PDB file of all heavy atoms in Angstrom:
ATOM      1  N   GLU A   1     -13.481  -8.241   7.933  1.00  0.00           N
ATOM      2  CA  GLU A   1     -12.002  -8.524   8.033  1.00  0.00           C
ATOM      3  C   GLU A   1     -11.137  -7.223   7.919  1.00  0.00           C
ATOM      4  O   GLU A   1      -9.926  -7.378   8.064  1.00  0.00           O
ATOM      5  CB  GLU A   1     -11.588  -9.476   7.125  1.00  0.00           C
ATOM      6  CG  GLU A   1     -12.194 -10.911   7.442  1.00  0.00           C
ATOM      7  CD  GLU A   1     -11.788 -11.960   6.411  1.00  0.00           C
ATOM      8  OE1 GLU A   1     -11.223 -11.655   5.530  1.00  0.00           O
ATOM      9  OE2 GLU A   1     -12.063 -13.249   6.752  1.00  0.00           O
ATOM     10  N   SER A   2     -11.812  -6.115   7.306  1.00  0.00           N
ATOM     11  CA  SER A   2     -11.085  -4.980   6.992  1.00  0.00           C
ATOM     12  C   SER A   2     -11.002  -4.027   8.222  1.00  0.00           C
ATOM     13  O   SER A   2     -12.047  -3.492   8.564  1.00  0.00           O
ATOM     14  CB  SER A   2     -11.683  -4.257   5.774  1.00  0.00           C
ATOM     15  OG  SER A   2     -11.390  -5.001   4.743  1.00  0.00           O
ATOM     16  N   ARG A   3      -9.846  -3.892   8.878  1.00  0.00           N
ATOM     17  CA  ARG A   3      -9.703  -3.052  10.091  1.00  0.00           C
ATOM     18  C   ARG A   3      -8.916  -1.754   9.699  1.00  0.00           C
ATOM     19  O   ARG A   3      -7.727  -1.867   9.540  1.00  0.00           O
ATOM     20  CB  ARG A   3      -9.063  -3.782  11.265  1.00  0.00           C
ATOM     21  CG  ARG A   3      -8.992  -3.066  12.543  1.00  0.00           C
ATOM     22  CD  ARG A   3      -8.435  -4.028  13.545  1.00  0.00           C
ATOM     23  NE  ARG A   3      -7.040  -4.355  13.495  1.00  0.00           N
ATOM     24  CZ  ARG A   3      -6.056  -3.633  13.855  1.00  0.00           C
ATOM     25  NH1 ARG A   3      -6.306  -2.547  14.695  1.00  0.00           N
ATOM     26  NH2 ARG A   3      -4.814  -3.915  13.688  1.00  0.00           N
ATOM     27  N   PRO A   4      -9.581  -0.666  10.072  1.00  0.00           N
ATOM     28  CA  PRO A   4      -8.959   0.567   9.985  1.00  0.00           C
ATOM     29  C   PRO A   4      -7.984   0.759  11.178  1.00  0.00           C
ATOM     30  O   PRO A   4      -8.400   0.438  12.303  1.00  0.00           O
ATOM     31  CB  PRO A   4      -9.974   1.701   9.940  1.00  0.00           C
ATOM     32  CG  PRO A   4     -11.314   1.031   9.677  1.00  0.00           C
ATOM     33  CD  PRO A   4     -11.055  -0.414  10.215  1.00  0.00           C
ATOM     34  N   SER A   5      -6.705   1.215  10.992  1.00  0.00           N
ATOM     35  CA  SER A   5      -5.770   1.466  12.051  1.00  0.00           C
ATOM     36  C   SER A   5      -4.557   2.163  11.414  1.00  0.00           C
ATOM     37  O   SER A   5      -4.346   2.087  10.258  1.00  0.00           O
ATOM     38  CB  SER A   5      -5.440   0.197  12.723  1.00  0.00           C
ATOM     39  OG  SER A   5      -4.416  -0.453  11.902  1.00  0.00           O
ATOM     40  N   PRO A   6      -4.013   2.923  12.304  1.00  0.00           N
ATOM     41  CA  PRO A   6      -2.588   3.677  11.847  1.00  0.00           C
ATOM     42  C   PRO A   6      -1.531   2.557  11.271  1.00  0.00           C
ATOM     43  O   PRO A   6      -1.049   2.884  10.279  1.00  0.00           O
ATOM     44  CB  PRO A   6      -2.139   4.318  13.086  1.00  0.00           C
ATOM     45  CG  PRO A   6      -3.490   4.610  13.886  1.00  0.00           C
ATOM     46  CD  PRO A   6      -4.237   3.332  13.692  1.00  0.00           C
ATOM     47  N   ALA A   7      -1.492   1.431  11.979  1.00  0.00           N
ATOM     48  CA  ALA A   7      -0.498   0.533  11.522  1.00  0.00           C
ATOM     49  C   ALA A   7      -0.848  -0.325  10.242  1.00  0.00           C
ATOM     50  O   ALA A   7      -0.065  -0.405   9.250  1.00  0.00           O
ATOM     51  CB  ALA A   7      -0.352  -0.595  12.524  1.00  0.00           C
ATOM     52  N   ASN A   8      -2.104  -0.465   9.974  1.00  0.00           N
ATOM     53  CA  ASN A   8      -2.561  -1.174   8.833  1.00  0.00           C
ATOM     54  C   ASN A   8      -2.520  -0.115   7.630  1.00  0.00           C
ATOM     55  O   ASN A   8      -2.274  -0.478   6.538  1.00  0.00           O
ATOM     56  CB  ASN A   8      -4.180  -1.598   9.020  1.00  0.00           C
ATOM     57  CG  ASN A   8      -4.223  -2.946   9.707  1.00  0.00           C
ATOM     58  OD1 ASN A   8      -3.181  -3.512   9.931  1.00  0.00           O
ATOM     59  ND2 ASN A   8      -5.345  -3.360   9.975  1.00  0.00           N
ATOM     60  N   GLN A   9      -2.842   1.164   7.947  1.00  0.00           N
ATOM     61  CA  GLN A   9      -2.679   2.085   6.865  1.00  0.00           C
ATOM     62  C   GLN A   9      -1.259   2.244   6.391  1.00  0.00           C
ATOM     63  O   GLN A   9      -0.890   2.214   5.209  1.00  0.00           O
ATOM     64  CB  GLN A   9      -3.228   3.508   7.174  1.00  0.00           C
ATOM     65  CG  GLN A   9      -3.027   4.566   6.124  1.00  0.00           C
ATOM     66  CD  GLN A   9      -3.429   6.000   6.535  1.00  0.00           C
ATOM     67  OE1 GLN A   9      -3.064   6.442   7.604  1.00  0.00           O
ATOM     68  NE2 GLN A   9      -4.317   6.663   5.757  1.00  0.00           N
ATOM     69  N   ALA A  10      -0.312   2.391   7.483  1.00  0.00           N
ATOM     70  CA  ALA A  10       1.126   2.435   7.050  1.00  0.00           C
ATOM     71  C   ALA A  10       1.486   1.118   6.332  1.00  0.00           C
ATOM     72  O   ALA A  10       2.237   1.236   5.206  1.00  0.00           O
ATOM     73  CB  ALA A  10       1.868   2.560   8.270  1.00  0.00           C
ATOM     74  N   ARG A  11       1.120   0.031   6.815  1.00  0.00           N
ATOM     75  CA  ARG A  11       1.563  -1.177   6.105  1.00  0.00           C
ATOM     76  C   ARG A  11       1.052  -1.288   4.744  1.00  0.00           C
ATOM     77  O   ARG A  11       1.764  -1.581   3.672  1.00  0.00           O
ATOM     78  CB  ARG A  11       0.947  -2.516   6.782  1.00  0.00           C
ATOM     79  CG  ARG A  11       1.336  -3.755   6.247  1.00  0.00           C
ATOM     80  CD  ARG A  11       0.758  -4.924   7.123  1.00  0.00           C
ATOM     81  NE  ARG A  11       0.853  -6.125   6.383  1.00  0.00           N
ATOM     82  CZ  ARG A  11       0.574  -7.347   6.841  1.00  0.00           C
ATOM     83  NH1 ARG A  11       0.017  -7.290   7.977  1.00  0.00           N
ATOM     84  NH2 ARG A  11       0.805  -8.403   6.202  1.00  0.00           N
ATOM     85  N   TYR A  12      -0.242  -0.961   4.474  1.00  0.00           N
ATOM     86  CA  TYR A  12      -0.735  -0.984   3.140  1.00  0.00           C
ATOM     87  C   TYR A  12      -0.141  -0.076   2.198  1.00  0.00           C
ATOM     88  O   TYR A  12       0.303  -0.440   1.005  1.00  0.00           O
ATOM     89  CB  TYR A  12      -2.300  -0.651   3.172  1.00  0.00           C
ATOM     90  CG  TYR A  12      -3.048  -0.847   1.715  1.00  0.00           C
ATOM     91  CD1 TYR A  12      -3.428  -2.011   1.382  1.00  0.00           C
ATOM     92  CD2 TYR A  12      -3.036   0.321   0.934  1.00  0.00           C
ATOM     93  CE1 TYR A  12      -4.021  -2.159   0.012  1.00  0.00           C
ATOM     94  CE2 TYR A  12      -3.488   0.170  -0.420  1.00  0.00           C
ATOM     95  CZ  TYR A  12      -4.027  -1.060  -0.839  1.00  0.00           C
ATOM     96  OH  TYR A  12      -4.572  -1.258  -2.047  1.00  0.00           O
ATOM     97  N   ILE A  13       0.038   1.142   2.612  1.00  0.00           N
ATOM     98  CA  ILE A  13       0.794   2.168   1.681  1.00  0.00           C
ATOM     99  C   ILE A  13       2.182   1.801   1.404  1.00  0.00           C
ATOM    100  O   ILE A  13       2.531   1.735   0.162  1.00  0.00           O
ATOM    101  CB  ILE A  13       0.719   3.548   2.377  1.00  0.00           C
ATOM    102  CG1 ILE A  13      -0.862   4.090   2.539  1.00  0.00           C
ATOM    103  CG2 ILE A  13       1.542   4.433   1.571  1.00  0.00           C
ATOM    104  CD1 ILE A  13      -1.389   4.322   1.213  1.00  0.00           C
ATOM    105  N   ARG A  14       2.957   1.389   2.389  1.00  0.00           N
ATOM    106  CA  ARG A  14       4.377   1.028   2.193  1.00  0.00           C
ATOM    107  C   ARG A  14       4.494  -0.258   1.291  1.00  0.00           C
ATOM    108  O   ARG A  14       5.245  -0.316   0.347  1.00  0.00           O
ATOM    109  CB  ARG A  14       4.968   0.822   3.540  1.00  0.00           C
ATOM    110  CG  ARG A  14       5.277   2.264   4.163  1.00  0.00           C
ATOM    111  CD  ARG A  14       5.537   2.202   5.611  1.00  0.00           C
ATOM    112  NE  ARG A  14       6.530   1.225   6.170  1.00  0.00           N
ATOM    113  CZ  ARG A  14       7.137   1.330   7.348  1.00  0.00           C
ATOM    114  NH1 ARG A  14       6.680   2.165   8.250  1.00  0.00           N
ATOM    115  NH2 ARG A  14       8.035   0.360   7.735  1.00  0.00           N
ATOM    116  N   GLU A  15       3.649  -1.179   1.614  1.00  0.00           N
ATOM    117  CA  GLU A  15       3.819  -2.461   0.737  1.00  0.00           C
ATOM    118  C   GLU A  15       3.098  -2.278  -0.673  1.00  0.00           C
ATOM    119  O   GLU A  15       3.694  -2.905  -1.597  1.00  0.00           O
ATOM    120  CB  GLU A  15       3.194  -3.589   1.525  1.00  0.00           C
ATOM    121  CG  GLU A  15       3.938  -3.914   2.884  1.00  0.00           C
ATOM    122  CD  GLU A  15       3.331  -5.053   3.576  1.00  0.00           C
ATOM    123  OE1 GLU A  15       2.262  -5.588   3.105  1.00  0.00           O
ATOM    124  OE2 GLU A  15       3.810  -5.444   4.660  1.00  0.00           O
ATOM    125  N   PHE A  16       2.094  -1.506  -0.711  1.00  0.00           N
ATOM    126  CA  PHE A  16       1.606  -1.320  -2.086  1.00  0.00           C
ATOM    127  C   PHE A  16       2.495  -0.531  -3.052  1.00  0.00           C
ATOM    128  O   PHE A  16       2.866  -0.802  -4.098  1.00  0.00           O
ATOM    129  CB  PHE A  16       0.278  -0.549  -2.002  1.00  0.00           C
ATOM    130  CG  PHE A  16      -0.091  -0.085  -3.244  1.00  0.00           C
ATOM    131  CD1 PHE A  16      -0.865  -0.944  -4.221  1.00  0.00           C
ATOM    132  CD2 PHE A  16       0.047   1.241  -3.735  1.00  0.00           C
ATOM    133  CE1 PHE A  16      -1.277  -0.481  -5.537  1.00  0.00           C
ATOM    134  CE2 PHE A  16      -0.202   1.696  -4.985  1.00  0.00           C
ATOM    135  CZ  PHE A  16      -0.903   0.833  -5.977  1.00  0.00           C
ATOM    136  N   VAL A  17       3.073   0.517  -2.419  1.00  0.00           N
ATOM    137  CA  VAL A  17       4.086   1.259  -3.128  1.00  0.00           C
ATOM    138  C   VAL A  17       5.259   0.497  -3.603  1.00  0.00           C
ATOM    139  O   VAL A  17       5.707   0.527  -4.849  1.00  0.00           O
ATOM    140  CB  VAL A  17       4.449   2.541  -2.407  1.00  0.00           C
ATOM    141  CG1 VAL A  17       5.686   3.346  -3.230  1.00  0.00           C
ATOM    142  CG2 VAL A  17       3.296   3.543  -2.314  1.00  0.00           C
ATOM    143  N   HIS A  18       5.828  -0.409  -2.795  1.00  0.00           N
ATOM    144  CA  HIS A  18       6.850  -1.252  -3.037  1.00  0.00           C
ATOM    145  C   HIS A  18       6.442  -2.057  -4.185  1.00  0.00           C
ATOM    146  O   HIS A  18       7.248  -2.319  -5.202  1.00  0.00           O
ATOM    147  CB  HIS A  18       7.247  -2.068  -1.732  1.00  0.00           C
ATOM    148  CG  HIS A  18       8.297  -3.071  -2.080  1.00  0.00           C
ATOM    149  ND1 HIS A  18       9.558  -2.845  -2.412  1.00  0.00           N
ATOM    150  CD2 HIS A  18       8.191  -4.397  -2.287  1.00  0.00           C
ATOM    151  CE1 HIS A  18      10.241  -4.039  -2.596  1.00  0.00           C
ATOM    152  NE2 HIS A  18       9.334  -4.958  -2.533  1.00  0.00           N
ATOM    153  N   GLN A  19       5.226  -2.669  -4.173  1.00  0.00           N
ATOM    154  CA  GLN A  19       4.843  -3.675  -5.146  1.00  0.00           C
ATOM    155  C   GLN A  19       4.534  -2.967  -6.415  1.00  0.00           C
ATOM    156  O   GLN A  19       4.903  -3.433  -7.625  1.00  0.00           O
ATOM    157  CB  GLN A  19       3.574  -4.425  -4.627  1.00  0.00           C
ATOM    158  CG  GLN A  19       2.964  -5.239  -5.676  1.00  0.00           C
ATOM    159  CD  GLN A  19       1.742  -6.111  -5.087  1.00  0.00           C
ATOM    160  OE1 GLN A  19       2.017  -7.188  -4.580  1.00  0.00           O
ATOM    161  NE2 GLN A  19       0.516  -5.645  -5.283  1.00  0.00           N
ATOM    162  N   ALA A  20       4.061  -1.764  -6.406  1.00  0.00           N
ATOM    163  CA  ALA A  20       3.663  -0.906  -7.579  1.00  0.00           C
ATOM    164  C   ALA A  20       4.924  -0.537  -8.399  1.00  0.00           C
ATOM    165  O   ALA A  20       5.002  -0.768  -9.603  1.00  0.00           O
ATOM    166  CB  ALA A  20       2.886   0.293  -7.351  1.00  0.00           C
ATOM    167  N   HIS A  21       5.931  -0.078  -7.557  1.00  0.00           N
ATOM    168  CA  HIS A  21       7.259   0.286  -8.265  1.00  0.00           C
ATOM    169  C   HIS A  21       7.893  -0.983  -8.821  1.00  0.00           C
ATOM    170  O   HIS A  21       8.483  -0.796  -9.907  1.00  0.00           O
ATOM    171  CB  HIS A  21       8.073   1.194  -7.304  1.00  0.00           C
ATOM    172  CG  HIS A  21       7.573   2.467  -6.995  1.00  0.00           C
ATOM    173  ND1 HIS A  21       8.359   3.584  -6.797  1.00  0.00           N
ATOM    174  CD2 HIS A  21       6.267   2.895  -6.883  1.00  0.00           C
ATOM    175  CE1 HIS A  21       7.640   4.681  -6.644  1.00  0.00           C
ATOM    176  NE2 HIS A  21       6.420   4.294  -6.718  1.00  0.00           N
ATOM    177  N   ASP A  22       7.806  -1.937  -8.031  1.00  0.00           N
ATOM    178  CA  ASP A  22       8.472  -3.222  -8.617  1.00  0.00           C
ATOM    179  C   ASP A  22       7.865  -3.862  -9.788  1.00  0.00           C
ATOM    180  O   ASP A  22       8.508  -4.302 -10.703  1.00  0.00           O
ATOM    181  CB  ASP A  22       8.564  -4.394  -7.409  1.00  0.00           C
ATOM    182  CG  ASP A  22       9.427  -5.545  -7.716  1.00  0.00           C
ATOM    183  OD1 ASP A  22      10.420  -5.333  -7.976  1.00  0.00           O
ATOM    184  OD2 ASP A  22       8.750  -6.656  -7.630  1.00  0.00           O
ATOM    185  N   ARG A  23       6.636  -3.696  -9.877  1.00  0.00           N
ATOM    186  CA  ARG A  23       5.823  -4.261 -11.097  1.00  0.00           C
ATOM    187  C   ARG A  23       5.521  -3.153 -12.149  1.00  0.00           C
ATOM    188  O   ARG A  23       5.001  -3.516 -13.192  1.00  0.00           O
ATOM    189  CB  ARG A  23       4.466  -4.751 -10.602  1.00  0.00           C
ATOM    190  CG  ARG A  23       4.623  -5.978  -9.596  1.00  0.00           C
ATOM    191  CD  ARG A  23       3.199  -6.508  -9.389  1.00  0.00           C
ATOM    192  NE  ARG A  23       3.311  -7.679  -8.489  1.00  0.00           N
ATOM    193  CZ  ARG A  23       2.599  -8.703  -8.295  1.00  0.00           C
ATOM    194  NH1 ARG A  23       1.603  -8.797  -9.240  1.00  0.00           N
ATOM    195  NH2 ARG A  23       2.651  -9.627  -7.434  1.00  0.00           N
ATOM    196  N   GLY A  24       5.997  -1.883 -11.913  1.00  0.00           N
ATOM    197  CA  GLY A  24       5.801  -1.013 -12.903  1.00  0.00           C
ATOM    198  C   GLY A  24       4.354  -0.423 -13.155  1.00  0.00           C
ATOM    199  O   GLY A  24       3.934   0.005 -14.147  1.00  0.00           O
ATOM    200  N   TRP A  25       3.599  -0.525 -12.024  1.00  0.00           N
ATOM    201  CA  TRP A  25       2.262   0.015 -11.997  1.00  0.00           C
ATOM    202  C   TRP A  25       2.137   1.426 -11.967  1.00  0.00           C
ATOM    203  O   TRP A  25       3.010   2.037 -11.316  1.00  0.00           O
ATOM    204  CB  TRP A  25       1.331  -0.609 -11.006  1.00  0.00           C
ATOM    205  CG  TRP A  25       1.110  -1.931 -11.017  1.00  0.00           C
ATOM    206  CD1 TRP A  25       1.399  -2.930 -12.016  1.00  0.00           C
ATOM    207  CD2 TRP A  25       0.619  -2.834  -9.714  1.00  0.00           C
ATOM    208  NE1 TRP A  25       1.090  -4.041 -11.576  1.00  0.00           N
ATOM    209  CE2 TRP A  25       0.647  -4.214 -10.305  1.00  0.00           C
ATOM    210  CE3 TRP A  25       0.266  -2.482  -8.615  1.00  0.00           C
ATOM    211  CZ2 TRP A  25       0.149  -5.189  -9.527  1.00  0.00           C
ATOM    212  CZ3 TRP A  25      -0.139  -3.568  -7.751  1.00  0.00           C
ATOM    213  CH2 TRP A  25      -0.285  -4.923  -8.247  1.00  0.00           C
ATOM    214  N   ASN A  26       1.301   1.984 -12.687  1.00  0.00           N
ATOM    215  CA  ASN A  26       0.972   3.493 -12.666  1.00  0.00           C
ATOM    216  C   ASN A  26      -0.169   3.626 -11.562  1.00  0.00           C
ATOM    217  O   ASN A  26      -1.281   3.017 -11.666  1.00  0.00           O
ATOM    218  CB  ASN A  26       0.585   4.123 -13.871  1.00  0.00           C
ATOM    219  CG  ASN A  26       0.651   5.577 -14.029  1.00  0.00           C
ATOM    220  OD1 ASN A  26       1.177   6.232 -12.989  1.00  0.00           O
ATOM    221  ND2 ASN A  26       0.106   6.215 -14.958  1.00  0.00           N
ATOM    222  N   TYR A  27      -0.042   4.588 -10.584  1.00  0.00           N
ATOM    223  CA  TYR A  27      -1.089   4.654  -9.576  1.00  0.00           C
ATOM    224  C   TYR A  27      -1.241   5.922  -8.988  1.00  0.00           C
ATOM    225  O   TYR A  27      -0.402   6.932  -9.133  1.00  0.00           O
ATOM    226  CB  TYR A  27      -0.590   3.629  -8.401  1.00  0.00           C
ATOM    227  CG  TYR A  27       0.705   4.094  -7.651  1.00  0.00           C
ATOM    228  CD1 TYR A  27       0.553   5.017  -6.664  1.00  0.00           C
ATOM    229  CD2 TYR A  27       1.899   3.588  -8.026  1.00  0.00           C
ATOM    230  CE1 TYR A  27       1.784   5.394  -6.054  1.00  0.00           C
ATOM    231  CE2 TYR A  27       3.015   4.076  -7.407  1.00  0.00           C
ATOM    232  CZ  TYR A  27       3.115   4.888  -6.397  1.00  0.00           C
ATOM    233  OH  TYR A  27       4.171   5.395  -5.787  1.00  0.00           O
ATOM    234  N   ASN A  28      -2.366   6.226  -8.258  1.00  0.00           N
ATOM    235  CA  ASN A  28      -2.629   7.358  -7.376  1.00  0.00           C
ATOM    236  C   ASN A  28      -3.084   6.935  -6.176  1.00  0.00           C
ATOM    237  O   ASN A  28      -4.062   6.141  -6.053  1.00  0.00           O
ATOM    238  CB  ASN A  28      -3.586   8.235  -8.133  1.00  0.00           C
ATOM    239  CG  ASN A  28      -4.072   9.444  -7.236  1.00  0.00           C
ATOM    240  OD1 ASN A  28      -3.409  10.336  -7.064  1.00  0.00           O
ATOM    241  ND2 ASN A  28      -5.244   9.248  -6.751  1.00  0.00           N
ATOM    242  N   LEU A  29      -2.395   7.349  -5.050  1.00  0.00           N
ATOM    243  CA  LEU A  29      -3.016   6.975  -3.653  1.00  0.00           C
ATOM    244  C   LEU A  29      -4.224   7.898  -3.241  1.00  0.00           C
ATOM    245  O   LEU A  29      -4.075   9.148  -3.438  1.00  0.00           O
ATOM    246  CB  LEU A  29      -1.833   6.980  -2.647  1.00  0.00           C
ATOM    247  CG  LEU A  29      -0.611   5.977  -3.006  1.00  0.00           C
ATOM    248  CD1 LEU A  29       0.435   6.393  -1.943  1.00  0.00           C
ATOM    249  CD2 LEU A  29      -1.113   4.567  -2.823  1.00  0.00           C
TER     250      LEU A  29
END
């Protein structure tokens, strides 16, 4: 079910960073 693609990469990074900042997570991409 995991599909590499430019759109999926952009979606994951953008939505993860939004969630991480909203929840106060410390992260490294």
